[in-house]
Amino acid sequence: MEGLAVLVMLFGIFTGIFWMIVGWRAMQAHEKLADSVELLARQSNRQEPQSGSLGED
């Protein structure tokens, strides 16, 4: 019975560490994605024409 308790504790520790690593990697991926979107938004704001007279008569 004690062996099962130790095994369950080790499994719980392993599972906790595993999900911490998964969460950390997901957070890093989210930050990279957010930075990329911000960079694209800045670039598109620079490339848009300033006057709205295109196609207007």
Protein backbone atom coordinates (compact mmCIF):
# COMPACT_ATOMS: atom_id res chain seq x y z
CA MET A 1 0.00 0.00 0.00
CA GLU A 2 2.86 2.38 0.77
CA GLY A 3 4.39 1.64 -2.62
CA LEU A 4 1.15 2.66 -4.31
CA ALA A 5 1.08 5.90 -2.31
CA VAL A 6 4.64 6.73 -3.40
CA LEU A 7 3.77 5.88 -6.99
CA VAL A 8 0.70 8.15 -6.89
CA MET A 9 2.77 10.98 -5.38
CA LEU A 10 5.42 10.64 -8.07
CA PHE A 11 2.77 10.58 -10.77
CA GLY A 12 1.19 13.72 -9.31
CA ILE A 13 4.52 15.53 -9.21
CA PHE A 14 5.30 14.46 -12.78
CA THR A 15 1.87 15.55 -13.97
CA GLY A 16 2.19 18.93 -12.26
CA ILE A 17 5.62 19.60 -13.77
CA PHE A 18 4.41 18.45 -17.19
CA TRP A 19 1.47 20.88 -17.20
CA MET A 20 3.65 23.73 -15.91
CA ILE A 21 5.97 23.19 -18.87
CA VAL A 22 3.04 23.00 -21.28
CA GLY A 23 1.58 26.22 -19.86
CA TRP A 24 4.93 28.00 -20.00
CA ARG A 25 5.43 27.04 -23.65
CA ALA A 26 1.88 28.12 -24.51
CA MET A 27 2.50 31.48 -22.82
CA GLN A 28 5.69 31.97 -24.85
CA ALA A 29 3.89 31.10 -28.08
CA HIS A 30 1.10 33.54 -27.22
CA GLU A 31 3.62 36.32 -26.57
CA LYS A 32 5.35 35.68 -29.92
CA LEU A 33 2.00 35.70 -31.70
CA ALA A 34 0.96 38.93 -30.01
CA ASP A 35 4.27 40.57 -30.93
CA SER A 36 3.88 39.47 -34.55
CA VAL A 37 0.34 40.85 -34.75
CA GLU A 38 1.49 44.13 -33.22
CA LEU A 39 4.34 44.39 -35.74
CA LEU A 40 1.98 43.66 -38.66
CA ALA A 41 -0.47 46.29 -37.42
CA ARG A 42 2.27 48.89 -37.20
CA GLN A 43 3.52 48.05 -40.69
CA SER A 44 0.03 48.21 -42.20
CA ASN A 45 -0.58 51.60 -40.54
CA ARG A 46 2.59 52.97 -42.16
CA GLN A 47 1.73 51.63 -45.62
CA GLU A 48 -1.84 52.96 -45.80
CA PRO A 49 -2.24 56.11 -47.87
CA GLN A 50 -2.87 59.22 -45.78
CA SER A 51 -5.49 60.78 -48.06
CA GLY A 52 -8.84 59.08 -48.51
CA SER A 53 -9.26 60.34 -52.06
CA LEU A 54 -8.58 57.08 -53.84
CA GLY A 55 -11.62 56.09 -55.89
CA GLU A 56 -13.66 59.08 -54.81
CA ASP A 57 -15.05 61.53 -57.37
